[in-house]
Amino acid sequence: MARTQGSHSDITGPRIQTAALKLFAQHGYAAVSMRQIAAQVGVQAGALYNYIPDKQTLLFRLMQDHMETLLDTRRRQAGQGDPEARLRDFVRFHIRFHLERPDAVFIAYMELRNLTPENFARIEELRGNYERDLENILRDGSAAEVFSVPDTKLATLGVIAMLNGVNTWYRSGGRLSLDEVEAVYWSMVRKAVAA
């Protein structure tokens, strides 16, 4: 099948992902058709299949790209030092990274149910890698007796859930600056795990 005139794989492929991300976040994966994605990109529906085999693969790639970017960015930016400094760095990183990507975060959490079992397992593996970063910080802090965390896995999930909440309500230009919000959240997290 010939490509639509004027289309280029290095341009159209990313445009498809951007359109799908926006539409899935606005309407939900199940409510969005490939035809709607094609219309958003400005190509014929059949042309999408030159770039992506099906809608499931598109959803999976969006989630996988998000998780791999999260892990790669975290590896490059992870703070060093004692467990408390590392935990403070994690809180700051998590809030800032996720605030910059609200649609990707929404899809990564709300559309898991729409993945095939194989795709779900891969995304869960990537999420587990990210969670282990925080769990290791909490475990190291407990071993150093600067944190008191009876169950590091449960504490990890609780802290991440609390940090994810910022994405749902924070608006730039609101009552508190992002720096102030981070300081408040750091204080809450620190108190939650304090020895």
N, C-alpha and C. Protein backbone atom coordinates (compact mmCIF):
# COMPACT_ATOMS: atom_id res chain seq x y z
N MET A 1 0.85 -1.17 0.00
CA MET A 1 0.00 0.00 0.00
C MET A 1 0.89 1.23 0.00
N ALA A 2 0.60 2.17 -0.84
CA ALA A 2 1.40 3.39 -0.95
C ALA A 2 1.09 4.34 0.19
N ARG A 3 2.12 5.08 0.59
CA ARG A 3 1.95 6.09 1.61
C ARG A 3 1.16 7.26 1.06
N THR A 4 0.44 7.96 1.94
CA THR A 4 -0.27 9.16 1.54
C THR A 4 0.75 10.19 1.07
N GLN A 5 0.42 10.88 0.00
CA GLN A 5 1.34 11.87 -0.55
C GLN A 5 1.70 12.90 0.52
N GLY A 6 2.99 13.18 0.63
CA GLY A 6 3.48 14.14 1.61
C GLY A 6 3.75 13.54 2.97
N SER A 7 3.48 12.25 3.17
CA SER A 7 3.71 11.65 4.47
C SER A 7 5.12 11.09 4.53
N HIS A 8 5.73 11.18 5.69
CA HIS A 8 7.08 10.68 5.93
C HIS A 8 7.06 9.89 7.23
N SER A 9 7.68 8.72 7.24
CA SER A 9 7.60 7.85 8.41
C SER A 9 8.17 8.51 9.66
N ASP A 10 9.23 9.32 9.51
CA ASP A 10 9.82 9.95 10.68
C ASP A 10 8.97 11.10 11.20
N ILE A 11 7.99 11.54 10.42
CA ILE A 11 7.08 12.60 10.85
C ILE A 11 5.72 11.99 11.21
N THR A 12 5.19 11.17 10.34
CA THR A 12 3.84 10.63 10.53
C THR A 12 3.78 9.67 11.71
N GLY A 13 4.78 8.82 11.89
CA GLY A 13 4.78 7.88 13.02
C GLY A 13 4.63 8.59 14.35
N PRO A 14 5.48 9.57 14.65
CA PRO A 14 5.33 10.32 15.90
C PRO A 14 4.01 11.08 15.98
N ARG A 15 3.51 11.57 14.85
CA ARG A 15 2.22 12.28 14.87
C ARG A 15 1.09 11.34 15.23
N ILE A 16 1.18 10.11 14.78
CA ILE A 16 0.17 9.11 15.14
C ILE A 16 0.19 8.88 16.64
N GLN A 17 1.38 8.72 17.19
CA GLN A 17 1.48 8.50 18.64
C GLN A 17 0.96 9.69 19.43
N THR A 18 1.30 10.89 18.99
CA THR A 18 0.83 12.10 19.68
C THR A 18 -0.69 12.21 19.63
N ALA A 19 -1.26 11.94 18.47
CA ALA A 19 -2.72 12.00 18.33
C ALA A 19 -3.40 10.94 19.18
N ALA A 20 -2.86 9.73 19.16
CA ALA A 20 -3.45 8.64 19.96
C ALA A 20 -3.37 8.96 21.44
N LEU A 21 -2.24 9.48 21.88
CA LEU A 21 -2.06 9.85 23.29
C LEU A 21 -3.14 10.84 23.71
N LYS A 22 -3.33 11.87 22.92
CA LYS A 22 -4.32 12.90 23.23
C LYS A 22 -5.74 12.32 23.24
N LEU A 23 -6.07 11.56 22.21
CA LEU A 23 -7.42 11.01 22.10
C LEU A 23 -7.70 9.97 23.19
N PHE A 24 -6.75 9.08 23.47
CA PHE A 24 -6.94 8.08 24.52
C PHE A 24 -7.13 8.76 25.87
N ALA A 25 -6.36 9.82 26.14
CA ALA A 25 -6.47 10.52 27.42
C ALA A 25 -7.81 11.25 27.53
N GLN A 26 -8.30 11.79 26.43
CA GLN A 26 -9.56 12.54 26.46
C GLN A 26 -10.79 11.64 26.51
N HIS A 27 -10.77 10.58 25.72
CA HIS A 27 -11.98 9.78 25.53
C HIS A 27 -11.90 8.35 26.06
N GLY A 28 -10.69 7.88 26.34
CA GLY A 28 -10.50 6.49 26.74
C GLY A 28 -10.18 5.63 25.54
N TYR A 29 -9.35 4.66 25.77
CA TYR A 29 -8.88 3.78 24.70
C TYR A 29 -10.04 3.12 23.95
N ALA A 30 -11.00 2.56 24.70
CA ALA A 30 -12.08 1.80 24.09
C ALA A 30 -12.97 2.68 23.19
N ALA A 31 -13.06 3.96 23.48
CA ALA A 31 -13.96 4.85 22.74
C ALA A 31 -13.31 5.45 21.49
N VAL A 32 -12.03 5.24 21.31
CA VAL A 32 -11.31 5.86 20.19
C VAL A 32 -11.09 4.83 19.09
N SER A 33 -11.40 5.23 17.87
CA SER A 33 -11.19 4.33 16.72
C SER A 33 -9.93 4.73 15.97
N MET A 34 -9.43 3.81 15.19
CA MET A 34 -8.28 4.12 14.34
C MET A 34 -8.66 5.21 13.33
N ARG A 35 -9.91 5.24 12.92
CA ARG A 35 -10.38 6.26 12.00
C ARG A 35 -10.26 7.66 12.64
N GLN A 36 -10.59 7.77 13.93
CA GLN A 36 -10.46 9.05 14.63
C GLN A 36 -8.99 9.48 14.72
N ILE A 37 -8.12 8.53 14.99
CA ILE A 37 -6.69 8.84 15.07
C ILE A 37 -6.20 9.32 13.71
N ALA A 38 -6.61 8.62 12.66
CA ALA A 38 -6.20 9.00 11.30
C ALA A 38 -6.68 10.41 10.97
N ALA A 39 -7.93 10.72 11.33
CA ALA A 39 -8.47 12.05 11.05
C ALA A 39 -7.67 13.13 11.78
N GLN A 40 -7.28 12.84 13.01
CA GLN A 40 -6.48 13.79 13.79
C GLN A 40 -5.12 14.04 13.14
N VAL A 41 -4.54 12.98 12.58
CA VAL A 41 -3.22 13.09 11.95
C VAL A 41 -3.34 13.69 10.55
N GLY A 42 -4.48 13.49 9.91
CA GLY A 42 -4.67 14.00 8.56
C GLY A 42 -4.28 13.00 7.49
N VAL A 43 -4.46 11.71 7.81
CA VAL A 43 -4.19 10.65 6.84
C VAL A 43 -5.43 9.77 6.74
N GLN A 44 -5.47 8.94 5.71
CA GLN A 44 -6.56 7.99 5.57
C GLN A 44 -6.38 6.88 6.61
N ALA A 45 -7.49 6.34 7.08
CA ALA A 45 -7.44 5.32 8.12
C ALA A 45 -6.53 4.16 7.75
N GLY A 46 -6.62 3.71 6.51
CA GLY A 46 -5.79 2.59 6.07
C GLY A 46 -4.30 2.89 6.13
N ALA A 47 -3.96 4.17 6.01
CA ALA A 47 -2.54 4.55 6.04
C ALA A 47 -1.91 4.32 7.41
N LEU A 48 -2.72 4.32 8.46
CA LEU A 48 -2.17 4.07 9.81
C LEU A 48 -1.45 2.73 9.88
N TYR A 49 -1.95 1.77 9.14
CA TYR A 49 -1.41 0.42 9.22
C TYR A 49 -0.04 0.30 8.55
N ASN A 50 0.40 1.35 7.89
CA ASN A 50 1.78 1.39 7.41
C ASN A 50 2.74 1.67 8.57
N TYR A 51 2.20 2.16 9.68
CA TYR A 51 3.03 2.60 10.81
C TYR A 51 2.80 1.76 12.07
N ILE A 52 1.62 1.20 12.18
CA ILE A 52 1.27 0.47 13.41
C ILE A 52 0.32 -0.67 13.02
N PRO A 53 0.54 -1.88 13.52
CA PRO A 53 -0.31 -2.99 13.08
C PRO A 53 -1.75 -2.94 13.60
N ASP A 54 -1.96 -2.39 14.81
CA ASP A 54 -3.31 -2.34 15.36
C ASP A 54 -3.34 -1.39 16.55
N LYS A 55 -4.54 -1.14 17.06
CA LYS A 55 -4.73 -0.19 18.15
C LYS A 55 -4.09 -0.68 19.45
N GLN A 56 -4.14 -1.98 19.70
CA GLN A 56 -3.52 -2.55 20.90
C GLN A 56 -2.01 -2.27 20.91
N THR A 57 -1.37 -2.47 19.79
CA THR A 57 0.06 -2.20 19.69
C THR A 57 0.35 -0.73 19.93
N LEU A 58 -0.51 0.13 19.44
CA LEU A 58 -0.35 1.56 19.64
C LEU A 58 -0.44 1.91 21.13
N LEU A 59 -1.44 1.37 21.82
CA LEU A 59 -1.57 1.60 23.27
C LEU A 59 -0.34 1.09 24.01
N PHE A 60 0.07 -0.12 23.68
CA PHE A 60 1.24 -0.71 24.33
C PHE A 60 2.48 0.14 24.12
N ARG A 61 2.70 0.59 22.88
CA ARG A 61 3.89 1.40 22.59
C ARG A 61 3.87 2.72 23.34
N LEU A 62 2.70 3.32 23.48
CA LEU A 62 2.59 4.57 24.25
C LEU A 62 3.01 4.33 25.69
N MET A 63 2.49 3.26 26.27
CA MET A 63 2.82 2.94 27.67
C MET A 63 4.28 2.55 27.82
N GLN A 64 4.76 1.74 26.91
CA GLN A 64 6.16 1.29 26.98
C GLN A 64 7.11 2.48 26.82
N ASP A 65 6.83 3.36 25.86
CA ASP A 65 7.67 4.54 25.68
C ASP A 65 7.68 5.40 26.93
N HIS A 66 6.52 5.57 27.54
CA HIS A 66 6.44 6.36 28.77
C HIS A 66 7.29 5.75 29.88
N MET A 67 7.13 4.45 30.08
CA MET A 67 7.86 3.78 31.16
C MET A 67 9.37 3.76 30.88
N GLU A 68 9.75 3.51 29.65
CA GLU A 68 11.19 3.49 29.33
C GLU A 68 11.80 4.88 29.46
N THR A 69 11.06 5.91 29.09
CA THR A 69 11.55 7.28 29.27
C THR A 69 11.67 7.60 30.76
N LEU A 70 10.68 7.19 31.54
CA LEU A 70 10.73 7.38 32.99
C LEU A 70 11.97 6.73 33.58
N LEU A 71 12.21 5.48 33.25
CA LEU A 71 13.35 4.74 33.81
C LEU A 71 14.68 5.32 33.34
N ASP A 72 14.77 5.67 32.07
CA ASP A 72 16.00 6.24 31.54
C ASP A 72 16.30 7.60 32.17
N THR A 73 15.29 8.43 32.28
CA THR A 73 15.48 9.76 32.88
C THR A 73 15.85 9.61 34.36
N ARG A 74 15.20 8.72 35.04
CA ARG A 74 15.51 8.50 36.46
C ARG A 74 16.95 8.02 36.63
N ARG A 75 17.40 7.10 35.78
CA ARG A 75 18.78 6.61 35.87
C ARG A 75 19.78 7.76 35.71
N ARG A 76 19.49 8.64 34.77
CA ARG A 76 20.42 9.75 34.50
C ARG A 76 20.36 10.82 35.58
N GLN A 77 19.23 10.96 36.26
CA GLN A 77 19.07 12.06 37.20
C GLN A 77 19.06 11.64 38.66
N ALA A 78 19.16 10.35 38.92
CA ALA A 78 19.05 9.87 40.30
C ALA A 78 20.10 10.51 41.20
N GLY A 79 19.64 10.99 42.33
CA GLY A 79 20.54 11.60 43.30
C GLY A 79 21.37 10.56 44.04
N GLN A 80 22.42 11.02 44.61
CA GLN A 80 23.32 10.17 45.39
C GLN A 80 23.25 10.59 46.85
N GLY A 81 23.97 9.89 47.68
CA GLY A 81 24.05 10.29 49.07
C GLY A 81 23.32 9.35 49.99
N ASP A 82 23.01 9.86 51.17
CA ASP A 82 22.36 9.05 52.19
C ASP A 82 20.89 8.81 51.79
N PRO A 83 20.23 7.85 52.45
CA PRO A 83 18.85 7.51 52.07
C PRO A 83 17.89 8.70 52.12
N GLU A 84 18.07 9.58 53.08
CA GLU A 84 17.16 10.72 53.17
C GLU A 84 17.32 11.65 51.95
N ALA A 85 18.54 11.92 51.55
CA ALA A 85 18.79 12.75 50.37
C ALA A 85 18.25 12.07 49.12
N ARG A 86 18.41 10.76 49.03
CA ARG A 86 17.91 10.02 47.86
C ARG A 86 16.39 10.03 47.82
N LEU A 87 15.75 9.93 49.00
CA LEU A 87 14.30 9.97 49.05
C LEU A 87 13.78 11.35 48.66
N ARG A 88 14.41 12.39 49.14
CA ARG A 88 14.03 13.75 48.77
C ARG A 88 14.15 13.94 47.26
N ASP A 89 15.22 13.42 46.70
CA ASP A 89 15.44 13.50 45.25
C ASP A 89 14.35 12.73 44.50
N PHE A 90 13.98 11.56 45.00
CA PHE A 90 12.93 10.76 44.35
C PHE A 90 11.61 11.52 44.34
N VAL A 91 11.25 12.11 45.47
CA VAL A 91 9.99 12.87 45.56
C VAL A 91 9.98 13.98 44.52
N ARG A 92 11.04 14.76 44.47
CA ARG A 92 11.14 15.87 43.52
C ARG A 92 11.08 15.36 42.08
N PHE A 93 11.85 14.31 41.81
CA PHE A 93 11.88 13.76 40.45
C PHE A 93 10.49 13.29 40.02
N HIS A 94 9.85 12.52 40.88
CA HIS A 94 8.56 11.93 40.52
C HIS A 94 7.54 13.02 40.20
N ILE A 95 7.45 14.01 41.05
CA ILE A 95 6.48 15.08 40.84
C ILE A 95 6.76 15.80 39.53
N ARG A 96 7.99 16.22 39.33
CA ARG A 96 8.31 17.01 38.13
C ARG A 96 8.17 16.21 36.84
N PHE A 97 8.66 14.98 36.84
CA PHE A 97 8.58 14.16 35.63
C PHE A 97 7.12 13.96 35.22
N HIS A 98 6.29 13.61 36.18
CA HIS A 98 4.91 13.27 35.87
C HIS A 98 4.06 14.50 35.54
N LEU A 99 4.34 15.64 36.16
CA LEU A 99 3.57 16.85 35.84
C LEU A 99 3.77 17.28 34.39
N GLU A 100 4.92 16.97 33.83
CA GLU A 100 5.20 17.35 32.44
C GLU A 100 4.51 16.43 31.43
N ARG A 101 3.92 15.34 31.89
CA ARG A 101 3.34 14.34 31.00
C ARG A 101 1.98 13.85 31.49
N PRO A 102 1.03 14.73 31.70
CA PRO A 102 -0.24 14.29 32.31
C PRO A 102 -1.00 13.25 31.48
N ASP A 103 -1.01 13.39 30.15
CA ASP A 103 -1.74 12.42 29.33
C ASP A 103 -1.09 11.04 29.39
N ALA A 104 0.23 11.00 29.31
CA ALA A 104 0.94 9.72 29.37
C ALA A 104 0.75 9.04 30.72
N VAL A 105 0.76 9.82 31.79
CA VAL A 105 0.56 9.27 33.14
C VAL A 105 -0.85 8.72 33.27
N PHE A 106 -1.83 9.49 32.80
CA PHE A 106 -3.22 9.05 32.87
C PHE A 106 -3.39 7.71 32.15
N ILE A 107 -2.87 7.63 30.95
CA ILE A 107 -2.99 6.40 30.17
C ILE A 107 -2.24 5.25 30.84
N ALA A 108 -1.05 5.53 31.36
CA ALA A 108 -0.24 4.48 31.98
C ALA A 108 -0.93 3.83 33.17
N TYR A 109 -1.79 4.57 33.85
CA TYR A 109 -2.49 4.01 35.01
C TYR A 109 -3.91 3.57 34.68
N MET A 110 -4.61 4.33 33.87
CA MET A 110 -6.03 4.06 33.66
C MET A 110 -6.33 3.07 32.53
N GLU A 111 -5.37 2.86 31.65
CA GLU A 111 -5.65 1.98 30.51
C GLU A 111 -4.97 0.62 30.63
N LEU A 112 -4.39 0.32 31.76
CA LEU A 112 -3.76 -1.00 31.94
C LEU A 112 -4.74 -2.13 31.67
N ARG A 113 -5.97 -1.92 32.04
CA ARG A 113 -6.99 -2.97 31.88
C ARG A 113 -7.24 -3.34 30.42
N ASN A 114 -6.85 -2.46 29.51
CA ASN A 114 -7.08 -2.71 28.09
C ASN A 114 -5.92 -3.39 27.38
N LEU A 115 -4.87 -3.70 28.12
CA LEU A 115 -3.72 -4.39 27.51
C LEU A 115 -3.97 -5.89 27.45
N THR A 116 -3.40 -6.53 26.46
CA THR A 116 -3.42 -8.00 26.43
C THR A 116 -2.58 -8.49 27.61
N PRO A 117 -2.75 -9.73 28.03
CA PRO A 117 -1.95 -10.23 29.16
C PRO A 117 -0.44 -10.10 28.94
N GLU A 118 0.02 -10.36 27.73
CA GLU A 118 1.46 -10.26 27.46
C GLU A 118 1.95 -8.82 27.58
N ASN A 119 1.19 -7.89 27.01
CA ASN A 119 1.57 -6.48 27.08
C ASN A 119 1.47 -5.97 28.52
N PHE A 120 0.45 -6.40 29.23
CA PHE A 120 0.30 -6.02 30.63
C PHE A 120 1.51 -6.47 31.44
N ALA A 121 1.95 -7.70 31.21
CA ALA A 121 3.10 -8.22 31.96
C ALA A 121 4.35 -7.39 31.71
N ARG A 122 4.55 -6.96 30.48
CA ARG A 122 5.74 -6.14 30.16
C ARG A 122 5.67 -4.77 30.84
N ILE A 123 4.51 -4.14 30.83
CA ILE A 123 4.37 -2.84 31.48
C ILE A 123 4.52 -3.00 32.99
N GLU A 124 3.96 -4.04 33.55
CA GLU A 124 4.12 -4.30 34.99
C GLU A 124 5.58 -4.51 35.36
N GLU A 125 6.33 -5.17 34.48
CA GLU A 125 7.76 -5.37 34.72
C GLU A 125 8.49 -4.02 34.77
N LEU A 126 8.17 -3.15 33.84
CA LEU A 126 8.79 -1.82 33.82
C LEU A 126 8.39 -1.00 35.04
N ARG A 127 7.12 -1.06 35.42
CA ARG A 127 6.67 -0.36 36.62
C ARG A 127 7.37 -0.91 37.85
N GLY A 128 7.56 -2.21 37.89
CA GLY A 128 8.26 -2.82 39.02
C GLY A 128 9.68 -2.33 39.14
N ASN A 129 10.34 -2.10 38.00
CA ASN A 129 11.71 -1.57 38.04
C ASN A 129 11.74 -0.19 38.68
N TYR A 130 10.77 0.64 38.33
CA TYR A 130 10.70 1.98 38.91
C TYR A 130 10.39 1.92 40.40
N GLU A 131 9.44 1.09 40.77
CA GLU A 131 9.07 0.94 42.18
C GLU A 131 10.24 0.43 43.01
N ARG A 132 11.05 -0.46 42.43
CA ARG A 132 12.20 -0.99 43.17
C ARG A 132 13.21 0.09 43.53
N ASP A 133 13.31 1.11 42.70
CA ASP A 133 14.20 2.23 43.01
C ASP A 133 13.79 2.84 44.35
N LEU A 134 12.53 3.17 44.50
CA LEU A 134 12.04 3.74 45.76
C LEU A 134 12.12 2.71 46.89
N GLU A 135 11.78 1.48 46.61
CA GLU A 135 11.82 0.46 47.65
C GLU A 135 13.24 0.28 48.19
N ASN A 136 14.23 0.34 47.31
CA ASN A 136 15.62 0.23 47.76
C ASN A 136 16.02 1.40 48.65
N ILE A 137 15.55 2.60 48.31
CA ILE A 137 15.82 3.77 49.15
C ILE A 137 15.22 3.57 50.53
N LEU A 138 13.97 3.10 50.58
CA LEU A 138 13.31 2.88 51.86
C LEU A 138 13.98 1.77 52.65
N ARG A 139 14.40 0.72 51.97
CA ARG A 139 15.09 -0.38 52.63
C ARG A 139 16.43 0.09 53.21
N ASP A 140 17.19 0.86 52.42
CA ASP A 140 18.47 1.38 52.90
C ASP A 140 18.27 2.32 54.10
N GLY A 141 17.22 3.14 54.04
CA GLY A 141 16.93 4.04 55.15
C GLY A 141 16.51 3.30 56.40
N SER A 142 15.77 2.22 56.22
CA SER A 142 15.38 1.40 57.38
C SER A 142 16.60 0.71 57.99
N ALA A 143 17.48 0.21 57.13
CA ALA A 143 18.70 -0.45 57.62
C ALA A 143 19.59 0.55 58.37
N ALA A 144 19.61 1.80 57.93
CA ALA A 144 20.42 2.84 58.57
C ALA A 144 19.68 3.46 59.77
N GLU A 145 18.46 2.99 60.01
CA GLU A 145 17.61 3.45 61.12
C GLU A 145 17.26 4.93 61.03
N VAL A 146 17.20 5.46 59.79
CA VAL A 146 16.70 6.82 59.61
C VAL A 146 15.24 6.79 59.16
N PHE A 147 14.78 5.64 58.68
CA PHE A 147 13.37 5.42 58.35
C PHE A 147 12.86 4.27 59.19
N SER A 148 11.56 4.28 59.43
CA SER A 148 10.91 3.16 60.10
C SER A 148 9.77 2.71 59.20
N VAL A 149 10.06 1.68 58.42
CA VAL A 149 9.10 1.20 57.43
C VAL A 149 8.94 -0.31 57.62
N PRO A 150 7.85 -0.74 58.25
CA PRO A 150 7.68 -2.17 58.50
C PRO A 150 7.51 -3.01 57.24
N ASP A 151 6.97 -2.41 56.18
CA ASP A 151 6.79 -3.14 54.92
C ASP A 151 7.18 -2.20 53.78
N THR A 152 8.38 -2.39 53.23
CA THR A 152 8.88 -1.45 52.24
C THR A 152 8.07 -1.47 50.94
N LYS A 153 7.54 -2.61 50.55
CA LYS A 153 6.73 -2.69 49.33
C LYS A 153 5.45 -1.87 49.49
N LEU A 154 4.78 -2.07 50.61
CA LEU A 154 3.54 -1.34 50.87
C LEU A 154 3.81 0.17 50.98
N ALA A 155 4.88 0.53 51.67
CA ALA A 155 5.25 1.95 51.78
C ALA A 155 5.57 2.54 50.41
N THR A 156 6.25 1.77 49.57
CA THR A 156 6.57 2.23 48.22
C THR A 156 5.31 2.56 47.44
N LEU A 157 4.35 1.65 47.47
CA LEU A 157 3.10 1.88 46.74
C LEU A 157 2.33 3.06 47.31
N GLY A 158 2.35 3.21 48.64
CA GLY A 158 1.68 4.33 49.29
C GLY A 158 2.29 5.67 48.92
N VAL A 159 3.62 5.74 48.93
CA VAL A 159 4.30 6.99 48.59
C VAL A 159 4.04 7.35 47.13
N ILE A 160 4.15 6.39 46.23
CA ILE A 160 3.91 6.67 44.81
C ILE A 160 2.47 7.12 44.59
N ALA A 161 1.51 6.48 45.25
CA ALA A 161 0.11 6.89 45.11
C ALA A 161 -0.07 8.33 45.59
N MET A 162 0.56 8.68 46.69
CA MET A 162 0.45 10.04 47.20
C MET A 162 1.06 11.04 46.20
N LEU A 163 2.23 10.72 45.68
CA LEU A 163 2.89 11.62 44.73
C LEU A 163 2.10 11.75 43.43
N ASN A 164 1.46 10.67 43.00
CA ASN A 164 0.67 10.72 41.77
C ASN A 164 -0.51 11.67 41.89
N GLY A 165 -0.97 11.90 43.11
CA GLY A 165 -2.10 12.80 43.32
C GLY A 165 -1.83 14.21 42.84
N VAL A 166 -0.58 14.64 42.89
CA VAL A 166 -0.24 16.00 42.46
C VAL A 166 -0.68 16.22 41.03
N ASN A 167 -0.54 15.20 40.21
CA ASN A 167 -0.90 15.31 38.79
C ASN A 167 -2.37 15.66 38.58
N THR A 168 -3.22 15.26 39.50
CA THR A 168 -4.65 15.46 39.30
C THR A 168 -5.13 16.86 39.67
N TRP A 169 -4.41 17.53 40.56
CA TRP A 169 -4.93 18.82 41.02
C TRP A 169 -4.01 20.02 40.80
N TYR A 170 -2.71 19.81 40.65
CA TYR A 170 -1.80 20.95 40.55
C TYR A 170 -1.98 21.71 39.24
N ARG A 171 -2.03 23.02 39.36
CA ARG A 171 -2.08 23.90 38.19
C ARG A 171 -1.06 25.01 38.38
N SER A 172 -0.25 25.24 37.37
CA SER A 172 0.72 26.33 37.40
C SER A 172 -0.04 27.64 37.61
N GLY A 173 0.50 28.50 38.45
CA GLY A 173 -0.16 29.78 38.72
C GLY A 173 -1.17 29.68 39.85
N GLY A 174 -1.26 28.52 40.49
CA GLY A 174 -2.19 28.35 41.60
C GLY A 174 -1.64 28.96 42.89
N ARG A 175 -2.27 28.62 43.99
CA ARG A 175 -1.92 29.19 45.29
C ARG A 175 -0.48 28.91 45.69
N LEU A 176 0.01 27.71 45.36
CA LEU A 176 1.38 27.33 45.72
C LEU A 176 2.21 27.11 44.46
N SER A 177 3.46 27.49 44.53
CA SER A 177 4.38 27.22 43.42
C SER A 177 4.74 25.74 43.43
N LEU A 178 5.32 25.27 42.34
CA LEU A 178 5.76 23.88 42.28
C LEU A 178 6.81 23.60 43.35
N ASP A 179 7.72 24.51 43.58
CA ASP A 179 8.72 24.33 44.64
C ASP A 179 8.06 24.19 46.01
N GLU A 180 7.03 24.99 46.26
CA GLU A 180 6.32 24.90 47.55
C GLU A 180 5.58 23.57 47.67
N VAL A 181 4.95 23.14 46.59
CA VAL A 181 4.25 21.86 46.61
C VAL A 181 5.23 20.73 46.87
N GLU A 182 6.38 20.76 46.21
CA GLU A 182 7.40 19.73 46.44
C GLU A 182 7.86 19.73 47.89
N ALA A 183 8.04 20.90 48.47
CA ALA A 183 8.48 20.99 49.87
C ALA A 183 7.44 20.39 50.81
N VAL A 184 6.17 20.67 50.56
CA VAL A 184 5.10 20.11 51.40
C VAL A 184 5.05 18.60 51.25
N TYR A 185 5.11 18.12 50.02
CA TYR A 185 5.08 16.67 49.80
C TYR A 185 6.31 15.99 50.39
N TRP A 186 7.46 16.62 50.27
CA TRP A 186 8.66 16.03 50.88
C TRP A 186 8.47 15.92 52.39
N SER A 187 7.92 16.94 53.01
CA SER A 187 7.68 16.91 54.45
C SER A 187 6.72 15.78 54.82
N MET A 188 5.66 15.61 54.04
CA MET A 188 4.69 14.55 54.33
C MET A 188 5.32 13.16 54.16
N VAL A 189 6.07 12.99 53.08
CA VAL A 189 6.73 11.69 52.85
C VAL A 189 7.74 11.42 53.96
N ARG A 190 8.52 12.41 54.31
CA ARG A 190 9.54 12.24 55.35
C ARG A 190 8.91 11.84 56.66
N LYS A 191 7.80 12.51 57.03
CA LYS A 191 7.11 12.17 58.28
C LYS A 191 6.49 10.78 58.22
N ALA A 192 6.03 10.38 57.04
CA ALA A 192 5.40 9.06 56.89
C ALA A 192 6.38 7.92 57.11
N VAL A 193 7.67 8.14 56.84
CA VAL A 193 8.65 7.07 56.97
C VAL A 193 9.66 7.30 58.10
N ALA A 194 9.42 8.37 58.87
CA ALA A 194 10.40 8.75 59.92
C ALA A 194 10.58 7.66 60.95
N ALA A 195 11.83 7.53 61.40
CA ALA A 195 12.15 6.55 62.46
C ALA A 195 11.72 7.10 63.81
